[in-house]
Amino acid sequence: LERLEQGIADRVREEPKHIRDRLNRDHEIAQLLDQIQRQSSNLLNLYKDENGTRAGELQELNTGDPFDAFYKQLGDIREHHARYPNEQAENSEQRYKQKRG
């Protein structure tokens, strides 16, 4: 969400001279605002925890050894990277950065 907000701030900071450029900027801002709304809604649904997954994970961390959970997740990450060694990580800073030109 912070990257999206920064993308909006970058676009609002500059005032294009031509009406076409202003219109394009306003459309970009509207799209970023829609993405913020979608992501916020998804986060709220995760926090509601209707299926009890989050509560189960918290219970596991509170009662079990936290290092067991950490090393299990680390193993899952290593397995994923072994399966997909050339997969690029998403660079969200570049994704929402204002395009020049």
PDB file of N, CA and C in Angstrom:
ATOM      1  N   LEU A   1       0.817  -1.195   0.000  1.00  0.00           N
ATOM      2  CA  LEU A   1       0.000   0.000   0.000  1.00  0.00           C
ATOM      3  C   LEU A   1       0.861   1.260   0.000  1.00  0.00           C
ATOM      4  N   GLU A   2       1.994   1.180   0.714  1.00  0.00           N
ATOM      5  CA  GLU A   2       2.864   2.356   0.770  1.00  0.00           C
ATOM      6  C   GLU A   2       3.438   2.683  -0.608  1.00  0.00           C
ATOM      7  N   ARG A   3       3.761   1.646  -1.377  1.00  0.00           N
ATOM      8  CA  ARG A   3       4.288   1.886  -2.734  1.00  0.00           C
ATOM      9  C   ARG A   3       3.229   2.533  -3.617  1.00  0.00           C
ATOM     10  N   LEU A   4       1.997   2.095  -3.476  1.00  0.00           N
ATOM     11  CA  LEU A   4       0.915   2.699  -4.253  1.00  0.00           C
ATOM     12  C   LEU A   4       0.713   4.155  -3.858  1.00  0.00           C
ATOM     13  N   GLU A   5       0.743   4.421  -2.553  1.00  0.00           N
ATOM     14  CA  GLU A   5       0.591   5.801  -2.087  1.00  0.00           C
ATOM     15  C   GLU A   5       1.733   6.674  -2.593  1.00  0.00           C
ATOM     16  N   GLN A   6       2.942   6.130  -2.603  1.00  0.00           N
ATOM     17  CA  GLN A   6       4.086   6.891  -3.112  1.00  0.00           C
ATOM     18  C   GLN A   6       3.930   7.159  -4.604  1.00  0.00           C
ATOM     19  N   GLY A   7       3.411   6.166  -5.340  1.00  0.00           N
ATOM     20  CA  GLY A   7       3.156   6.363  -6.766  1.00  0.00           C
ATOM     21  C   GLY A   7       2.156   7.479  -7.014  1.00  0.00           C
ATOM     22  N   ILE A   8       1.123   7.544  -6.196  1.00  0.00           N
ATOM     23  CA  ILE A   8       0.133   8.620  -6.324  1.00  0.00           C
ATOM     24  C   ILE A   8       0.772   9.960  -5.990  1.00  0.00           C
ATOM     25  N   ALA A   9       1.547  10.005  -4.907  1.00  0.00           N
ATOM     26  CA  ALA A   9       2.194  11.262  -4.509  1.00  0.00           C
ATOM     27  C   ALA A   9       3.134  11.765  -5.600  1.00  0.00           C
ATOM     28  N   ASP A  10       3.866  10.852  -6.234  1.00  0.00           N
ATOM     29  CA  ASP A  10       4.772  11.253  -7.313  1.00  0.00           C
ATOM     30  C   ASP A  10       4.006  11.868  -8.475  1.00  0.00           C
ATOM     31  N   ARG A  11       2.847  11.321  -8.775  1.00  0.00           N
ATOM     32  CA  ARG A  11       2.069  11.825  -9.904  1.00  0.00           C
ATOM     33  C   ARG A  11       1.387  13.154  -9.574  1.00  0.00           C
ATOM     34  N   VAL A  12       0.945  13.308  -8.323  1.00  0.00           N
ATOM     35  CA  VAL A  12       0.264  14.545  -7.925  1.00  0.00           C
ATOM     36  C   VAL A  12       1.252  15.706  -7.853  1.00  0.00           C
ATOM     37  N   ARG A  13       2.486  15.402  -7.497  1.00  0.00           N
ATOM     38  CA  ARG A  13       3.504  16.445  -7.316  1.00  0.00           C
ATOM     39  C   ARG A  13       3.763  17.227  -8.608  1.00  0.00           C
ATOM     40  N   GLU A  14       3.694  16.555  -9.740  1.00  0.00           N
ATOM     41  CA  GLU A  14       3.977  17.234 -11.008  1.00  0.00           C
ATOM     42  C   GLU A  14       2.675  17.629 -11.688  1.00  0.00           C
ATOM     43  N   GLU A  15       2.664  18.825 -12.225  1.00  0.00           N
ATOM     44  CA  GLU A  15       1.493  19.333 -12.931  1.00  0.00           C
ATOM     45  C   GLU A  15       1.825  19.411 -14.421  1.00  0.00           C
ATOM     46  N   PRO A  16       1.297  18.475 -15.227  1.00  0.00           N
ATOM     47  CA  PRO A  16       1.583  18.501 -16.668  1.00  0.00           C
ATOM     48  C   PRO A  16       1.016  19.756 -17.333  1.00  0.00           C
ATOM     49  N   LYS A  17       1.693  20.182 -18.405  1.00  0.00           N
ATOM     50  CA  LYS A  17       1.280  21.398 -19.101  1.00  0.00           C
ATOM     51  C   LYS A  17       0.087  21.155 -20.014  1.00  0.00           C
ATOM     52  N   HIS A  18       0.070  20.020 -20.674  1.00  0.00           N
ATOM     53  CA  HIS A  18      -0.973  19.755 -21.667  1.00  0.00           C
ATOM     54  C   HIS A  18      -2.138  18.998 -21.036  1.00  0.00           C
ATOM     55  N   ILE A  19      -3.326  19.290 -21.531  1.00  0.00           N
ATOM     56  CA  ILE A  19      -4.537  18.674 -20.985  1.00  0.00           C
ATOM     57  C   ILE A  19      -4.511  17.159 -21.169  1.00  0.00           C
ATOM     58  N   ARG A  20      -3.961  16.685 -22.273  1.00  0.00           N
ATOM     59  CA  ARG A  20      -3.890  15.243 -22.526  1.00  0.00           C
ATOM     60  C   ARG A  20      -3.011  14.562 -21.472  1.00  0.00           C
ATOM     61  N   ASP A  21      -1.900  15.199 -21.135  1.00  0.00           N
ATOM     62  CA  ASP A  21      -1.009  14.645 -20.114  1.00  0.00           C
ATOM     63  C   ASP A  21      -1.672  14.663 -18.735  1.00  0.00           C
ATOM     64  N   ARG A  22      -2.432  15.721 -18.458  1.00  0.00           N
ATOM     65  CA  ARG A  22      -3.157  15.794 -17.187  1.00  0.00           C
ATOM     66  C   ARG A  22      -4.207  14.687 -17.088  1.00  0.00           C
ATOM     67  N   LEU A  23      -4.898  14.460 -18.201  1.00  0.00           N
ATOM     68  CA  LEU A  23      -5.917  13.416 -18.232  1.00  0.00           C
ATOM     69  C   LEU A  23      -5.287  12.036 -18.020  1.00  0.00           C
ATOM     70  N   ASN A  24      -4.157  11.786 -18.686  1.00  0.00           N
ATOM     71  CA  ASN A  24      -3.451  10.515 -18.495  1.00  0.00           C
ATOM     72  C   ASN A  24      -3.008  10.346 -17.048  1.00  0.00           C
ATOM     73  N   ARG A  25      -2.496  11.422 -16.454  1.00  0.00           N
ATOM     74  CA  ARG A  25      -2.064  11.370 -15.061  1.00  0.00           C
ATOM     75  C   ARG A  25      -3.243  11.061 -14.144  1.00  0.00           C
ATOM     76  N   ASP A  26      -4.374  11.710 -14.392  1.00  0.00           N
ATOM     77  CA  ASP A  26      -5.555  11.481 -13.564  1.00  0.00           C
ATOM     78  C   ASP A  26      -6.053  10.038 -13.684  1.00  0.00           C
ATOM     79  N   HIS A  27      -5.958   9.464 -14.882  1.00  0.00           N
ATOM     80  CA  HIS A  27      -6.349   8.064 -15.063  1.00  0.00           C
ATOM     81  C   HIS A  27      -5.397   7.130 -14.312  1.00  0.00           C
ATOM     82  N   GLU A  28      -4.108   7.431 -14.355  1.00  0.00           N
ATOM     83  CA  GLU A  28      -3.137   6.621 -13.615  1.00  0.00           C
ATOM     84  C   GLU A  28      -3.423   6.679 -12.120  1.00  0.00           C
ATOM     85  N   ILE A  29      -3.724   7.867 -11.618  1.00  0.00           N
ATOM     86  CA  ILE A  29      -4.034   8.027 -10.193  1.00  0.00           C
ATOM     87  C   ILE A  29      -5.293   7.241  -9.837  1.00  0.00           C
ATOM     88  N   ALA A  30      -6.299   7.299 -10.699  1.00  0.00           N
ATOM     89  CA  ALA A  30      -7.539   6.559 -10.438  1.00  0.00           C
ATOM     90  C   ALA A  30      -7.274   5.055 -10.394  1.00  0.00           C
ATOM     91  N   GLN A  31      -6.422   4.567 -11.294  1.00  0.00           N
ATOM     92  CA  GLN A  31      -6.089   3.140 -11.287  1.00  0.00           C
ATOM     93  C   GLN A  31      -5.343   2.754 -10.012  1.00  0.00           C
ATOM     94  N   LEU A  32      -4.425   3.602  -9.576  1.00  0.00           N
ATOM     95  CA  LEU A  32      -3.692   3.317  -8.344  1.00  0.00           C
ATOM     96  C   LEU A  32      -4.629   3.335  -7.135  1.00  0.00           C
ATOM     97  N   LEU A  33      -5.580   4.266  -7.120  1.00  0.00           N
ATOM     98  CA  LEU A  33      -6.554   4.308  -6.024  1.00  0.00           C
ATOM     99  C   LEU A  33      -7.423   3.052  -6.009  1.00  0.00           C
ATOM    100  N   ASP A  34      -7.802   2.566  -7.201  1.00  0.00           N
ATOM    101  CA  ASP A  34      -8.566   1.318  -7.275  1.00  0.00           C
ATOM    102  C   ASP A  34      -7.753   0.147  -6.733  1.00  0.00           C
ATOM    103  N   GLN A  35      -6.459   0.123  -7.041  1.00  0.00           N
ATOM    104  CA  GLN A  35      -5.606  -0.947  -6.522  1.00  0.00           C
ATOM    105  C   GLN A  35      -5.496  -0.870  -5.000  1.00  0.00           C
ATOM    106  N   ILE A  36      -5.391   0.340  -4.470  1.00  0.00           N
ATOM    107  CA  ILE A  36      -5.343   0.496  -3.012  1.00  0.00           C
ATOM    108  C   ILE A  36      -6.628  -0.044  -2.390  1.00  0.00           C
ATOM    109  N   GLN A  37      -7.751   0.269  -3.001  1.00  0.00           N
ATOM    110  CA  GLN A  37      -9.033  -0.191  -2.475  1.00  0.00           C
ATOM    111  C   GLN A  37      -9.120  -1.717  -2.509  1.00  0.00           C
ATOM    112  N   ARG A  38      -8.694  -2.335  -3.617  1.00  0.00           N
ATOM    113  CA  ARG A  38      -8.727  -3.797  -3.727  1.00  0.00           C
ATOM    114  C   ARG A  38      -7.806  -4.451  -2.705  1.00  0.00           C
ATOM    115  N   GLN A  39      -6.591  -3.927  -2.582  1.00  0.00           N
ATOM    116  CA  GLN A  39      -5.646  -4.517  -1.640  1.00  0.00           C
ATOM    117  C   GLN A  39      -6.108  -4.328  -0.199  1.00  0.00           C
ATOM    118  N   SER A  40      -6.686  -3.188   0.114  1.00  0.00           N
ATOM    119  CA  SER A  40      -7.201  -2.960   1.467  1.00  0.00           C
ATOM    120  C   SER A  40      -8.333  -3.931   1.777  1.00  0.00           C
ATOM    121  N   SER A  41      -9.199  -4.157   0.811  1.00  0.00           N
ATOM    122  CA  SER A  41     -10.291  -5.103   0.997  1.00  0.00           C
ATOM    123  C   SER A  41      -9.756  -6.515   1.217  1.00  0.00           C
ATOM    124  N   ASN A  42      -8.745  -6.900   0.439  1.00  0.00           N
ATOM    125  CA  ASN A  42      -8.137  -8.224   0.616  1.00  0.00           C
ATOM    126  C   ASN A  42      -7.499  -8.353   1.993  1.00  0.00           C
ATOM    127  N   LEU A  43      -6.833  -7.307   2.443  1.00  0.00           N
ATOM    128  CA  LEU A  43      -6.208  -7.345   3.767  1.00  0.00           C
ATOM    129  C   LEU A  43      -7.255  -7.448   4.873  1.00  0.00           C
ATOM    130  N   LEU A  44      -8.345  -6.707   4.736  1.00  0.00           N
ATOM    131  CA  LEU A  44      -9.411  -6.797   5.741  1.00  0.00           C
ATOM    132  C   LEU A  44      -9.981  -8.212   5.807  1.00  0.00           C
ATOM    133  N   ASN A  45     -10.142  -8.849   4.645  1.00  0.00           N
ATOM    134  CA  ASN A  45     -10.634 -10.227   4.633  1.00  0.00           C
ATOM    135  C   ASN A  45      -9.646 -11.172   5.307  1.00  0.00           C
ATOM    136  N   LEU A  46      -8.357 -10.931   5.114  1.00  0.00           N
ATOM    137  CA  LEU A  46      -7.354 -11.767   5.782  1.00  0.00           C
ATOM    138  C   LEU A  46      -7.403 -11.576   7.290  1.00  0.00           C
ATOM    139  N   TYR A  47      -7.565 -10.338   7.728  1.00  0.00           N
ATOM    140  CA  TYR A  47      -7.598 -10.054   9.159  1.00  0.00           C
ATOM    141  C   TYR A  47      -8.867 -10.589   9.825  1.00  0.00           C
ATOM    142  N   LYS A  48      -9.959 -10.698   9.070  1.00  0.00           N
ATOM    143  CA  LYS A  48     -11.189 -11.267   9.633  1.00  0.00           C
ATOM    144  C   LYS A  48     -10.981 -12.729  10.007  1.00  0.00           C
ATOM    145  N   ASP A  49     -10.162 -13.442   9.235  1.00  0.00           N
ATOM    146  CA  ASP A  49      -9.784 -14.829   9.519  1.00  0.00           C
ATOM    147  C   ASP A  49     -11.016 -15.716   9.695  1.00  0.00           C
ATOM    148  N   GLU A  50     -11.875 -15.715   8.679  1.00  0.00           N
ATOM    149  CA  GLU A  50     -13.120 -16.473   8.752  1.00  0.00           C
ATOM    150  C   GLU A  50     -12.896 -17.978   8.803  1.00  0.00           C
ATOM    151  N   ASN A  51     -11.816 -18.473   8.203  1.00  0.00           N
ATOM    152  CA  ASN A  51     -11.575 -19.916   8.211  1.00  0.00           C
ATOM    153  C   ASN A  51     -10.655 -20.355   9.352  1.00  0.00           C
ATOM    154  N   GLY A  52     -10.178 -19.431  10.168  1.00  0.00           N
ATOM    155  CA  GLY A  52      -9.389 -19.775  11.344  1.00  0.00           C
ATOM    156  C   GLY A  52      -7.920 -20.049  11.089  1.00  0.00           C
ATOM    157  N   THR A  53      -7.430 -19.779   9.907  1.00  0.00           N
ATOM    158  CA  THR A  53      -6.030 -20.052   9.577  1.00  0.00           C
ATOM    159  C   THR A  53      -5.083 -19.201  10.407  1.00  0.00           C
ATOM    160  N   ARG A  54      -5.377 -17.936  10.489  1.00  0.00           N
ATOM    161  CA  ARG A  54      -4.494 -17.019  11.228  1.00  0.00           C
ATOM    162  C   ARG A  54      -4.466 -17.370  12.717  1.00  0.00           C
ATOM    163  N   ALA A  55      -5.614 -17.673  13.262  1.00  0.00           N
ATOM    164  CA  ALA A  55      -5.675 -18.044  14.680  1.00  0.00           C
ATOM    165  C   ALA A  55      -4.875 -19.319  14.930  1.00  0.00           C
ATOM    166  N   GLY A  56      -4.949 -20.266  14.002  1.00  0.00           N
ATOM    167  CA  GLY A  56      -4.179 -21.502  14.137  1.00  0.00           C
ATOM    168  C   GLY A  56      -2.687 -21.255  14.090  1.00  0.00           C
ATOM    169  N   GLU A  57      -2.260 -20.369  13.196  1.00  0.00           N
ATOM    170  CA  GLU A  57      -0.836 -20.039  13.106  1.00  0.00           C
ATOM    171  C   GLU A  57      -0.352 -19.344  14.376  1.00  0.00           C
ATOM    172  N   LEU A  58      -1.160 -18.433  14.904  1.00  0.00           N
ATOM    173  CA  LEU A  58      -0.788 -17.751  16.149  1.00  0.00           C
ATOM    174  C   LEU A  58      -0.717 -18.732  17.316  1.00  0.00           C
ATOM    175  N   GLN A  59      -1.654 -19.656  17.367  1.00  0.00           N
ATOM    176  CA  GLN A  59      -1.649 -20.664  18.424  1.00  0.00           C
ATOM    177  C   GLN A  59      -0.406 -21.541  18.314  1.00  0.00           C
ATOM    178  N   GLU A  60      -0.053 -21.910  17.093  1.00  0.00           N
ATOM    179  CA  GLU A  60       1.140 -22.735  16.871  1.00  0.00           C
ATOM    180  C   GLU A  60       2.404 -22.001  17.308  1.00  0.00           C
ATOM    181  N   LEU A  61       2.483 -20.708  17.008  1.00  0.00           N
ATOM    182  CA  LEU A  61       3.652 -19.930  17.421  1.00  0.00           C
ATOM    183  C   LEU A  61       3.716 -19.764  18.938  1.00  0.00           C
ATOM    184  N   ASN A  62       2.560 -19.598  19.574  1.00  0.00           N
ATOM    185  CA  ASN A  62       2.531 -19.385  21.023  1.00  0.00           C
ATOM    186  C   ASN A  62       2.831 -20.651  21.814  1.00  0.00           C
ATOM    187  N   THR A  63       2.391 -21.798  21.311  1.00  0.00           N
ATOM    188  CA  THR A  63       2.553 -23.033  22.080  1.00  0.00           C
ATOM    189  C   THR A  63       3.775 -23.836  21.666  1.00  0.00           C
ATOM    190  N   GLY A  64       4.142 -23.785  20.400  1.00  0.00           N
ATOM    191  CA  GLY A  64       5.255 -24.591  19.918  1.00  0.00           C
ATOM    192  C   GLY A  64       6.558 -23.815  19.915  1.00  0.00           C
ATOM    193  N   ASP A  65       7.568 -24.467  19.391  1.00  0.00           N
ATOM    194  CA  ASP A  65       8.876 -23.836  19.254  1.00  0.00           C
ATOM    195  C   ASP A  65       8.846 -22.922  18.031  1.00  0.00           C
ATOM    196  N   PRO A  66       9.078 -21.622  18.196  1.00  0.00           N
ATOM    197  CA  PRO A  66       9.007 -20.713  17.044  1.00  0.00           C
ATOM    198  C   PRO A  66      10.051 -21.045  15.981  1.00  0.00           C
ATOM    199  N   PHE A  67      11.158 -21.647  16.391  1.00  0.00           N
ATOM    200  CA  PHE A  67      12.178 -21.987  15.408  1.00  0.00           C
ATOM    201  C   PHE A  67      11.733 -23.132  14.502  1.00  0.00           C
ATOM    202  N   ASP A  68      10.877 -24.027  15.010  1.00  0.00           N
ATOM    203  CA  ASP A  68      10.345 -25.091  14.159  1.00  0.00           C
ATOM    204  C   ASP A  68       9.545 -24.492  13.005  1.00  0.00           C
ATOM    205  N   ALA A  69       8.675 -23.538  13.319  1.00  0.00           N
ATOM    206  CA  ALA A  69       7.871 -22.889  12.282  1.00  0.00           C
ATOM    207  C   ALA A  69       8.769 -22.114  11.320  1.00  0.00           C
ATOM    208  N   PHE A  70       9.788 -21.451  11.855  1.00  0.00           N
ATOM    209  CA  PHE A  70      10.703 -20.682  11.013  1.00  0.00           C
ATOM    210  C   PHE A  70      11.433 -21.601  10.038  1.00  0.00           C
ATOM    211  N   TYR A  71      11.994 -22.697  10.548  1.00  0.00           N
ATOM    212  CA  TYR A  71      12.758 -23.596   9.681  1.00  0.00           C
ATOM    213  C   TYR A  71      11.862 -24.334   8.695  1.00  0.00           C
ATOM    214  N   LYS A  72      10.608 -24.571   9.059  1.00  0.00           N
ATOM    215  CA  LYS A  72       9.673 -25.173   8.106  1.00  0.00           C
ATOM    216  C   LYS A  72       9.420 -24.207   6.952  1.00  0.00           C
ATOM    217  N   GLN A  73       9.178 -22.931   7.275  1.00  0.00           N
ATOM    218  CA  GLN A  73       8.952 -21.938   6.224  1.00  0.00           C
ATOM    219  C   GLN A  73      10.213 -21.721   5.396  1.00  0.00           C
ATOM    220  N   LEU A  74      11.371 -21.738   6.044  1.00  0.00           N
ATOM    221  CA  LEU A  74      12.627 -21.594   5.320  1.00  0.00           C
ATOM    222  C   LEU A  74      12.814 -22.753   4.346  1.00  0.00           C
ATOM    223  N   GLY A  75      12.463 -23.952   4.774  1.00  0.00           N
ATOM    224  CA  GLY A  75      12.541 -25.116   3.889  1.00  0.00           C
ATOM    225  C   GLY A  75      11.608 -24.978   2.701  1.00  0.00           C
ATOM    226  N   ASP A  76      10.402 -24.463   2.937  1.00  0.00           N
ATOM    227  CA  ASP A  76       9.454 -24.239   1.841  1.00  0.00           C
ATOM    228  C   ASP A  76       9.999 -23.221   0.847  1.00  0.00           C
ATOM    229  N   ILE A  77      10.625 -22.172   1.355  1.00  0.00           N
ATOM    230  CA  ILE A  77      11.199 -21.140   0.478  1.00  0.00           C
ATOM    231  C   ILE A  77      12.344 -21.724  -0.340  1.00  0.00           C
ATOM    232  N   ARG A  78      13.206 -22.484   0.299  1.00  0.00           N
ATOM    233  CA  ARG A  78      14.332 -23.099  -0.423  1.00  0.00           C
ATOM    234  C   ARG A  78      13.837 -24.082  -1.473  1.00  0.00           C
ATOM    235  N   GLU A  79      12.804 -24.837  -1.137  1.00  0.00           N
ATOM    236  CA  GLU A  79      12.229 -25.779  -2.102  1.00  0.00           C
ATOM    237  C   GLU A  79      11.669 -25.028  -3.310  1.00  0.00           C
ATOM    238  N   HIS A  80      10.985 -23.918  -3.056  1.00  0.00           N
ATOM    239  CA  HIS A  80      10.438 -23.113  -4.154  1.00  0.00           C
ATOM    240  C   HIS A  80      11.559 -22.592  -5.052  1.00  0.00           C
ATOM    241  N   HIS A  81      12.634 -22.090  -4.441  1.00  0.00           N
ATOM    242  CA  HIS A  81      13.738 -21.553  -5.237  1.00  0.00           C
ATOM    243  C   HIS A  81      14.494 -22.655  -5.964  1.00  0.00           C
ATOM    244  N   ALA A  82      14.541 -23.845  -5.402  1.00  0.00           N
ATOM    245  CA  ALA A  82      15.171 -24.964  -6.103  1.00  0.00           C
ATOM    246  C   ALA A  82      14.326 -25.377  -7.306  1.00  0.00           C
ATOM    247  N   ARG A  83      13.013 -25.300  -7.162  1.00  0.00           N
ATOM    248  CA  ARG A  83      12.114 -25.666  -8.253  1.00  0.00           C
ATOM    249  C   ARG A  83      12.110 -24.597  -9.350  1.00  0.00           C
ATOM    250  N   TYR A  84      12.209 -23.329  -8.973  1.00  0.00           N
ATOM    251  CA  TYR A  84      12.173 -22.210  -9.925  1.00  0.00           C
ATOM    252  C   TYR A  84      13.411 -21.336  -9.717  1.00  0.00           C
ATOM    253  N   PRO A  85      14.585 -21.786 -10.161  1.00  0.00           N
ATOM    254  CA  PRO A  85      15.823 -21.054  -9.842  1.00  0.00           C
ATOM    255  C   PRO A  85      15.963 -19.703 -10.547  1.00  0.00           C
ATOM    256  N   ASN A  86      15.330 -19.520 -11.682  1.00  0.00           N
ATOM    257  CA  ASN A  86      15.516 -18.280 -12.440  1.00  0.00           C
ATOM    258  C   ASN A  86      14.343 -17.318 -12.320  1.00  0.00           C
ATOM    259  N   GLU A  87      13.422 -17.591 -11.420  1.00  0.00           N
ATOM    260  CA  GLU A  87      12.261 -16.713 -11.259  1.00  0.00           C
ATOM    261  C   GLU A  87      12.684 -15.395 -10.620  1.00  0.00           C
ATOM    262  N   GLN A  88      12.249 -14.301 -11.219  1.00  0.00           N
ATOM    263  CA  GLN A  88      12.590 -12.972 -10.726  1.00  0.00           C
ATOM    264  C   GLN A  88      11.607 -12.542  -9.642  1.00  0.00           C
ATOM    265  N   ALA A  89      12.116 -11.877  -8.633  1.00  0.00           N
ATOM    266  CA  ALA A  89      11.254 -11.303  -7.600  1.00  0.00           C
ATOM    267  C   ALA A  89      10.611 -10.037  -8.151  1.00  0.00           C
ATOM    268  N   GLU A  90       9.385  -9.783  -7.739  1.00  0.00           N
ATOM    269  CA  GLU A  90       8.692  -8.587  -8.206  1.00  0.00           C
ATOM    270  C   GLU A  90       9.278  -7.356  -7.530  1.00  0.00           C
ATOM    271  N   ASN A  91       9.604  -6.365  -8.337  1.00  0.00           N
ATOM    272  CA  ASN A  91      10.127  -5.106  -7.813  1.00  0.00           C
ATOM    273  C   ASN A  91       8.976  -4.105  -7.797  1.00  0.00           C
ATOM    274  N   SER A  92       8.304  -3.997  -6.650  1.00  0.00           N
ATOM    275  CA  SER A  92       7.123  -3.136  -6.584  1.00  0.00           C
ATOM    276  C   SER A  92       7.477  -1.658  -6.684  1.00  0.00           C
ATOM    277  N   GLU A  93       8.708  -1.309  -6.362  1.00  0.00           N
ATOM    278  CA  GLU A  93       9.111   0.092  -6.507  1.00  0.00           C
ATOM    279  C   GLU A  93       9.103   0.479  -7.981  1.00  0.00           C
ATOM    280  N   GLN A  94       9.638  -0.379  -8.837  1.00  0.00           N
ATOM    281  CA  GLN A  94       9.642  -0.110 -10.276  1.00  0.00           C
ATOM    282  C   GLN A  94       8.234  -0.193 -10.853  1.00  0.00           C
ATOM    283  N   ARG A  95       7.423  -1.083 -10.287  1.00  0.00           N
ATOM    284  CA  ARG A  95       6.087  -1.304 -10.822  1.00  0.00           C
ATOM    285  C   ARG A  95       5.218  -0.052 -10.742  1.00  0.00           C
ATOM    286  N   TYR A  96       5.334   0.699  -9.658  1.00  0.00           N
ATOM    287  CA  TYR A  96       4.471   1.860  -9.454  1.00  0.00           C
ATOM    288  C   TYR A  96       5.178   3.187  -9.690  1.00  0.00           C
ATOM    289  N   LYS A  97       6.429   3.123 -10.103  1.00  0.00           N
ATOM    290  CA  LYS A  97       7.171   4.354 -10.359  1.00  0.00           C
ATOM    291  C   LYS A  97       6.610   5.024 -11.613  1.00  0.00           C
ATOM    292  N   GLN A  98       6.581   6.324 -11.590  1.00  0.00           N
ATOM    293  CA  GLN A  98       6.052   7.083 -12.713  1.00  0.00           C
ATOM    294  C   GLN A  98       6.969   6.920 -13.913  1.00  0.00           C
ATOM    295  N   LYS A  99       6.358   6.632 -15.062  1.00  0.00           N
ATOM    296  CA  LYS A  99       7.131   6.447 -16.289  1.00  0.00           C
ATOM    297  C   LYS A  99       7.377   7.796 -16.942  1.00  0.00           C
ATOM    298  N   ARG A 100       8.586   8.038 -17.314  1.00  0.00           N
ATOM    299  CA  ARG A 100       8.963   9.302 -17.975  1.00  0.00           C
ATOM    300  C   ARG A 100       8.932   9.094 -19.482  1.00  0.00           C
ATOM    301  N   GLY A 101       8.686  10.156 -20.190  1.00  0.00           N
ATOM    302  CA  GLY A 101       8.832  10.056 -21.630  1.00  0.00           C
ATOM    303  C   GLY A 101       7.652  10.412 -22.346  1.00  0.00           C
TER     304      GLY A 101
END
